[in-house]
Structures are given as C-alpha cells and as structure tokens.
Amino acid sequence: MYGASGEVIQMSINSTGAGNSGGPVFNKAEKVIGLFTYGISRDGANTSGAVPIKYGRDLLEAQHR
C-alpha cells in the first residue's frame, strides 16, 4: 500500500504491541518482507504497519560503504 506516509505493509490485525518496532515481518514462506514500524488506529480498528524490507536493506548497505 502506498499513501501519505509512503510505502507501508498493513497487517490485518494489531499483532505487535509496544516494543516491537524494528522487528521482522515474515511471509508464509518464512522470508522477511518488512520491519514493524507503527500501529494504525482507524475507525476503532487497530492494525500494525511495517515498512518494506528494501528500506532496511538500504540502511544496512549505507553503513557498509
């Protein structure tokens, strides 16, 4: 999903809770596809948001230069 905050993976439930920011998001094939970033509250429903893993890779690559 792409919106005002940029690219975000929106989970269907609030599966993280406090303290999980930066943790991995896995797909069904057990591959890391994102990093937990923040909670989303809209119309009384809470979900979790994650940034796509490509942004985490970009940060790691920049540290190795």
PDB file of N, CA and C in Angstrom:
ATOM      1  N   MET A   1       0.850  -1.159   0.000  1.00  0.00           N
ATOM      2  CA  MET A   1       0.000   0.000   0.000  1.00  0.00           C
ATOM      3  C   MET A   1       0.902   1.229   0.000  1.00  0.00           C
ATOM      4  N   TYR A   2       0.518   2.262  -0.711  1.00  0.00           N
ATOM      5  CA  TYR A   2       1.292   3.493  -0.754  1.00  0.00           C
ATOM      6  C   TYR A   2       0.358   4.642  -0.411  1.00  0.00           C
ATOM      7  N   GLY A   3       0.750   5.467   0.551  1.00  0.00           N
ATOM      8  CA  GLY A   3      -0.090   6.581   0.962  1.00  0.00           C
ATOM      9  C   GLY A   3       0.742   7.784   1.343  1.00  0.00           C
ATOM     10  N   ALA A   4       0.155   8.675   2.121  1.00  0.00           N
ATOM     11  CA  ALA A   4       0.824   9.909   2.531  1.00  0.00           C
ATOM     12  C   ALA A   4       2.095   9.638   3.334  1.00  0.00           C
ATOM     13  N   SER A   5       2.136   8.488   4.013  1.00  0.00           N
ATOM     14  CA  SER A   5       3.311   8.138   4.811  1.00  0.00           C
ATOM     15  C   SER A   5       4.343   7.354   4.023  1.00  0.00           C
ATOM     16  N   GLY A   6       4.096   7.125   2.741  1.00  0.00           N
ATOM     17  CA  GLY A   6       4.999   6.334   1.921  1.00  0.00           C
ATOM     18  C   GLY A   6       4.507   4.907   1.818  1.00  0.00           C
ATOM     19  N   GLU A   7       5.398   3.994   1.441  1.00  0.00           N
ATOM     20  CA  GLU A   7       5.023   2.586   1.317  1.00  0.00           C
ATOM     21  C   GLU A   7       4.853   1.971   2.697  1.00  0.00           C
ATOM     22  N   VAL A   8       3.815   1.175   2.853  1.00  0.00           N
ATOM     23  CA  VAL A   8       3.574   0.507   4.130  1.00  0.00           C
ATOM     24  C   VAL A   8       2.905  -0.839   3.870  1.00  0.00           C
ATOM     25  N   ILE A   9       3.293  -1.823   4.657  1.00  0.00           N
ATOM     26  CA  ILE A   9       2.609  -3.107   4.658  1.00  0.00           C
ATOM     27  C   ILE A   9       1.636  -3.041   5.821  1.00  0.00           C
ATOM     28  N   GLN A  10       0.361  -3.202   5.559  1.00  0.00           N
ATOM     29  CA  GLN A  10      -0.648  -3.128   6.610  1.00  0.00           C
ATOM     30  C   GLN A  10      -1.091  -4.533   6.975  1.00  0.00           C
ATOM     31  N   MET A  11      -0.866  -4.915   8.235  1.00  0.00           N
ATOM     32  CA  MET A  11      -1.310  -6.217   8.716  1.00  0.00           C
ATOM     33  C   MET A  11      -2.802  -6.135   9.045  1.00  0.00           C
ATOM     34  N   SER A  12      -3.475  -7.256   8.982  1.00  0.00           N
ATOM     35  CA  SER A  12      -4.915  -7.268   9.196  1.00  0.00           C
ATOM     36  C   SER A  12      -5.305  -7.142  10.667  1.00  0.00           C
ATOM     37  N   ILE A  13      -4.368  -7.374  11.579  1.00  0.00           N
ATOM     38  CA  ILE A  13      -4.652  -7.249  12.998  1.00  0.00           C
ATOM     39  C   ILE A  13      -3.503  -6.511  13.668  1.00  0.00           C
ATOM     40  N   ASN A  14      -3.742  -6.036  14.882  1.00  0.00           N
ATOM     41  CA  ASN A  14      -2.675  -5.411  15.654  1.00  0.00           C
ATOM     42  C   ASN A  14      -1.885  -6.534  16.314  1.00  0.00           C
ATOM     43  N   SER A  15      -0.917  -7.043  15.604  1.00  0.00           N
ATOM     44  CA  SER A  15      -0.213  -8.243  16.034  1.00  0.00           C
ATOM     45  C   SER A  15       1.068  -7.975  16.807  1.00  0.00           C
ATOM     46  N   THR A  16       1.389  -6.737  17.058  1.00  0.00           N
ATOM     47  CA  THR A  16       2.696  -6.479  17.652  1.00  0.00           C
ATOM     48  C   THR A  16       2.619  -6.010  19.094  1.00  0.00           C
ATOM     49  N   GLY A  17       2.076  -4.866  19.347  1.00  0.00           N
ATOM     50  CA  GLY A  17       2.100  -4.299  20.683  1.00  0.00           C
ATOM     51  C   GLY A  17       3.347  -3.461  20.878  1.00  0.00           C
ATOM     52  N   ALA A  18       3.445  -2.854  22.021  1.00  0.00           N
ATOM     53  CA  ALA A  18       4.555  -1.947  22.321  1.00  0.00           C
ATOM     54  C   ALA A  18       5.885  -2.692  22.350  1.00  0.00           C
ATOM     55  N   GLY A  19       6.933  -2.031  21.856  1.00  0.00           N
ATOM     56  CA  GLY A  19       8.285  -2.568  21.934  1.00  0.00           C
ATOM     57  C   GLY A  19       8.716  -3.438  20.771  1.00  0.00           C
ATOM     58  N   ASN A  20       7.891  -3.609  19.775  1.00  0.00           N
ATOM     59  CA  ASN A  20       8.241  -4.476  18.654  1.00  0.00           C
ATOM     60  C   ASN A  20       8.719  -3.727  17.417  1.00  0.00           C
ATOM     61  N   SER A  21       8.796  -2.424  17.481  1.00  0.00           N
ATOM     62  CA  SER A  21       9.260  -1.657  16.325  1.00  0.00           C
ATOM     63  C   SER A  21      10.650  -2.117  15.917  1.00  0.00           C
ATOM     64  N   GLY A  22      10.831  -2.296  14.617  1.00  0.00           N
ATOM     65  CA  GLY A  22      12.107  -2.757  14.090  1.00  0.00           C
ATOM     66  C   GLY A  22      12.193  -4.257  13.943  1.00  0.00           C
ATOM     67  N   GLY A  23      11.213  -4.981  14.476  1.00  0.00           N
ATOM     68  CA  GLY A  23      11.207  -6.438  14.366  1.00  0.00           C
ATOM     69  C   GLY A  23      10.781  -6.891  12.978  1.00  0.00           C
ATOM     70  N   PRO A  24      11.098  -8.126  12.618  1.00  0.00           N
ATOM     71  CA  PRO A  24      10.807  -8.620  11.281  1.00  0.00           C
ATOM     72  C   PRO A  24       9.337  -8.980  11.061  1.00  0.00           C
ATOM     73  N   VAL A  25       8.900  -8.833   9.815  1.00  0.00           N
ATOM     74  CA  VAL A  25       7.593  -9.299   9.352  1.00  0.00           C
ATOM     75  C   VAL A  25       7.879 -10.400   8.344  1.00  0.00           C
ATOM     76  N   PHE A  26       7.324 -11.584   8.566  1.00  0.00           N
ATOM     77  CA  PHE A  26       7.564 -12.740   7.702  1.00  0.00           C
ATOM     78  C   PHE A  26       6.361 -13.013   6.809  1.00  0.00           C
ATOM     79  N   ASN A  27       6.623 -13.556   5.622  1.00  0.00           N
ATOM     80  CA  ASN A  27       5.533 -14.033   4.777  1.00  0.00           C
ATOM     81  C   ASN A  27       5.333 -15.529   5.044  1.00  0.00           C
ATOM     82  N   LYS A  28       4.431 -16.162   4.317  1.00  0.00           N
ATOM     83  CA  LYS A  28       4.147 -17.583   4.531  1.00  0.00           C
ATOM     84  C   LYS A  28       5.333 -18.476   4.225  1.00  0.00           C
ATOM     85  N   ALA A  29       6.241 -18.013   3.379  1.00  0.00           N
ATOM     86  CA  ALA A  29       7.438 -18.783   3.032  1.00  0.00           C
ATOM     87  C   ALA A  29       8.584 -18.533   4.018  1.00  0.00           C
ATOM     88  N   GLU A  30       8.280 -17.860   5.131  1.00  0.00           N
ATOM     89  CA  GLU A  30       9.246 -17.547   6.183  1.00  0.00           C
ATOM     90  C   GLU A  30      10.370 -16.628   5.741  1.00  0.00           C
ATOM     91  N   LYS A  31      10.088 -15.794   4.737  1.00  0.00           N
ATOM     92  CA  LYS A  31      11.040 -14.776   4.276  1.00  0.00           C
ATOM     93  C   LYS A  31      10.679 -13.448   4.935  1.00  0.00           C
ATOM     94  N   VAL A  32      11.689 -12.681   5.324  1.00  0.00           N
ATOM     95  CA  VAL A  32      11.436 -11.362   5.902  1.00  0.00           C
ATOM     96  C   VAL A  32      11.021 -10.415   4.779  1.00  0.00           C
ATOM     97  N   ILE A  33       9.844  -9.812   4.932  1.00  0.00           N
ATOM     98  CA  ILE A  33       9.334  -8.903   3.900  1.00  0.00           C
ATOM     99  C   ILE A  33       9.207  -7.470   4.396  1.00  0.00           C
ATOM    100  N   GLY A  34       9.369  -7.253   5.701  1.00  0.00           N
ATOM    101  CA  GLY A  34       9.221  -5.907   6.225  1.00  0.00           C
ATOM    102  C   GLY A  34       9.720  -5.791   7.649  1.00  0.00           C
ATOM    103  N   LEU A  35       9.678  -4.562   8.163  1.00  0.00           N
ATOM    104  CA  LEU A  35      10.059  -4.258   9.537  1.00  0.00           C
ATOM    105  C   LEU A  35       8.900  -3.546  10.226  1.00  0.00           C
ATOM    106  N   PHE A  36       8.452  -4.106  11.370  1.00  0.00           N
ATOM    107  CA  PHE A  36       7.378  -3.456  12.120  1.00  0.00           C
ATOM    108  C   PHE A  36       7.773  -2.017  12.415  1.00  0.00           C
ATOM    109  N   THR A  37       6.830  -1.122  12.209  1.00  0.00           N
ATOM    110  CA  THR A  37       7.139   0.289  12.377  1.00  0.00           C
ATOM    111  C   THR A  37       6.190   0.999  13.331  1.00  0.00           C
ATOM    112  N   TYR A  38       4.901   0.841  13.135  1.00  0.00           N
ATOM    113  CA  TYR A  38       3.951   1.599  13.958  1.00  0.00           C
ATOM    114  C   TYR A  38       2.567   0.965  13.940  1.00  0.00           C
ATOM    115  N   GLY A  39       1.749   1.382  14.907  1.00  0.00           N
ATOM    116  CA  GLY A  39       0.356   0.962  14.958  1.00  0.00           C
ATOM    117  C   GLY A  39      -0.517   1.959  14.216  1.00  0.00           C
ATOM    118  N   ILE A  40      -1.586   1.465  13.639  1.00  0.00           N
ATOM    119  CA  ILE A  40      -2.539   2.299  12.914  1.00  0.00           C
ATOM    120  C   ILE A  40      -3.893   2.126  13.583  1.00  0.00           C
ATOM    121  N   SER A  41      -4.518   3.219  13.969  1.00  0.00           N
ATOM    122  CA  SER A  41      -5.851   3.164  14.548  1.00  0.00           C
ATOM    123  C   SER A  41      -6.784   3.970  13.667  1.00  0.00           C
ATOM    124  N   ARG A  42      -7.790   3.287  13.124  1.00  0.00           N
ATOM    125  CA  ARG A  42      -8.717   3.952  12.218  1.00  0.00           C
ATOM    126  C   ARG A  42     -10.126   3.434  12.476  1.00  0.00           C
ATOM    127  N   ASP A  43     -11.038   4.323  12.767  1.00  0.00           N
ATOM    128  CA  ASP A  43     -12.441   3.959  12.998  1.00  0.00           C
ATOM    129  C   ASP A  43     -12.590   2.870  14.055  1.00  0.00           C
ATOM    130  N   GLY A  44     -11.792   2.923  15.101  1.00  0.00           N
ATOM    131  CA  GLY A  44     -11.873   1.966  16.197  1.00  0.00           C
ATOM    132  C   GLY A  44     -11.177   0.643  15.948  1.00  0.00           C
ATOM    133  N   ALA A  45     -10.590   0.461  14.771  1.00  0.00           N
ATOM    134  CA  ALA A  45      -9.860  -0.767  14.461  1.00  0.00           C
ATOM    135  C   ALA A  45      -8.363  -0.502  14.554  1.00  0.00           C
ATOM    136  N   ASN A  46      -7.648  -1.415  15.175  1.00  0.00           N
ATOM    137  CA  ASN A  46      -6.199  -1.281  15.311  1.00  0.00           C
ATOM    138  C   ASN A  46      -5.504  -2.296  14.420  1.00  0.00           C
ATOM    139  N   THR A  47      -4.522  -1.839  13.680  1.00  0.00           N
ATOM    140  CA  THR A  47      -3.697  -2.708  12.853  1.00  0.00           C
ATOM    141  C   THR A  47      -2.239  -2.310  13.032  1.00  0.00           C
ATOM    142  N   SER A  48      -1.356  -3.120  12.516  1.00  0.00           N
ATOM    143  CA  SER A  48       0.076  -2.815  12.578  1.00  0.00           C
ATOM    144  C   SER A  48       0.579  -2.463  11.197  1.00  0.00           C
ATOM    145  N   GLY A  49       1.552  -1.559  11.146  1.00  0.00           N
ATOM    146  CA  GLY A  49       2.161  -1.167   9.887  1.00  0.00           C
ATOM    147  C   GLY A  49       3.632  -1.516   9.877  1.00  0.00           C
ATOM    148  N   ALA A  50       4.134  -1.830   8.704  1.00  0.00           N
ATOM    149  CA  ALA A  50       5.549  -2.161   8.539  1.00  0.00           C
ATOM    150  C   ALA A  50       6.065  -1.527   7.263  1.00  0.00           C
ATOM    151  N   VAL A  51       7.343  -1.194   7.262  1.00  0.00           N
ATOM    152  CA  VAL A  51       7.961  -0.704   6.028  1.00  0.00           C
ATOM    153  C   VAL A  51       8.519  -1.901   5.278  1.00  0.00           C
ATOM    154  N   PRO A  52       8.483  -1.883   3.951  1.00  0.00           N
ATOM    155  CA  PRO A  52       9.060  -2.981   3.168  1.00  0.00           C
ATOM    156  C   PRO A  52      10.545  -3.163   3.489  1.00  0.00           C
ATOM    157  N   ILE A  53      11.003  -4.402   3.444  1.00  0.00           N
ATOM    158  CA  ILE A  53      12.381  -4.736   3.823  1.00  0.00           C
ATOM    159  C   ILE A  53      13.415  -4.019   2.962  1.00  0.00           C
ATOM    160  N   LYS A  54      13.052  -3.610   1.753  1.00  0.00           N
ATOM    161  CA  LYS A  54      14.031  -2.935   0.891  1.00  0.00           C
ATOM    162  C   LYS A  54      14.584  -1.684   1.561  1.00  0.00           C
ATOM    163  N   TYR A  55      13.812  -1.038   2.415  1.00  0.00           N
ATOM    164  CA  TYR A  55      14.310   0.159   3.103  1.00  0.00           C
ATOM    165  C   TYR A  55      15.306  -0.212   4.198  1.00  0.00           C
ATOM    166  N   GLY A  56      15.087  -1.325   4.859  1.00  0.00           N
ATOM    167  CA  GLY A  56      16.058  -1.811   5.841  1.00  0.00           C
ATOM    168  C   GLY A  56      17.365  -2.201   5.171  1.00  0.00           C
ATOM    169  N   ARG A  57      17.249  -2.836   4.013  1.00  0.00           N
ATOM    170  CA  ARG A  57      18.454  -3.208   3.263  1.00  0.00           C
ATOM    171  C   ARG A  57      19.236  -1.969   2.837  1.00  0.00           C
ATOM    172  N   ASP A  58      18.519  -0.924   2.412  1.00  0.00           N
ATOM    173  CA  ASP A  58      19.184   0.322   2.015  1.00  0.00           C
ATOM    174  C   ASP A  58      19.979   0.909   3.177  1.00  0.00           C
ATOM    175  N   LEU A  59      19.411   0.866   4.389  1.00  0.00           N
ATOM    176  CA  LEU A  59      20.112   1.395   5.565  1.00  0.00           C
ATOM    177  C   LEU A  59      21.357   0.575   5.880  1.00  0.00           C
ATOM    178  N   LEU A  60      21.249  -0.752   5.799  1.00  0.00           N
ATOM    179  CA  LEU A  60      22.404  -1.595   6.066  1.00  0.00           C
ATOM    180  C   LEU A  60      23.495  -1.406   5.035  1.00  0.00           C
ATOM    181  N   GLU A  61      23.114  -1.284   3.782  1.00  0.00           N
ATOM    182  CA  GLU A  61      24.096  -1.094   2.719  1.00  0.00           C
ATOM    183  C   GLU A  61      24.843   0.222   2.893  1.00  0.00           C
ATOM    184  N   ALA A  62      24.145   1.259   3.309  1.00  0.00           N
ATOM    185  CA  ALA A  62      24.775   2.567   3.502  1.00  0.00           C
ATOM    186  C   ALA A  62      25.838   2.509   4.603  1.00  0.00           C
ATOM    187  N   GLN A  63      25.658   1.645   5.601  1.00  0.00           N
ATOM    188  CA  GLN A  63      26.628   1.514   6.701  1.00  0.00           C
ATOM    189  C   GLN A  63      27.888   0.797   6.261  1.00  0.00           C
ATOM    190  N   HIS A  64      27.808   0.022   5.191  1.00  0.00           N
ATOM    191  CA  HIS A  64      28.968  -0.746   4.726  1.00  0.00           C
ATOM    192  C   HIS A  64      29.811   0.022   3.711  1.00  0.00           C
ATOM    193  N   ARG A  65      29.423   1.210   3.385  1.00  0.00           N
ATOM    194  CA  ARG A  65      30.181   2.000   2.394  1.00  0.00           C
ATOM    195  C   ARG A  65      31.296   2.759   3.041  1.00  0.00           C
TER     196      ARG A  65
END
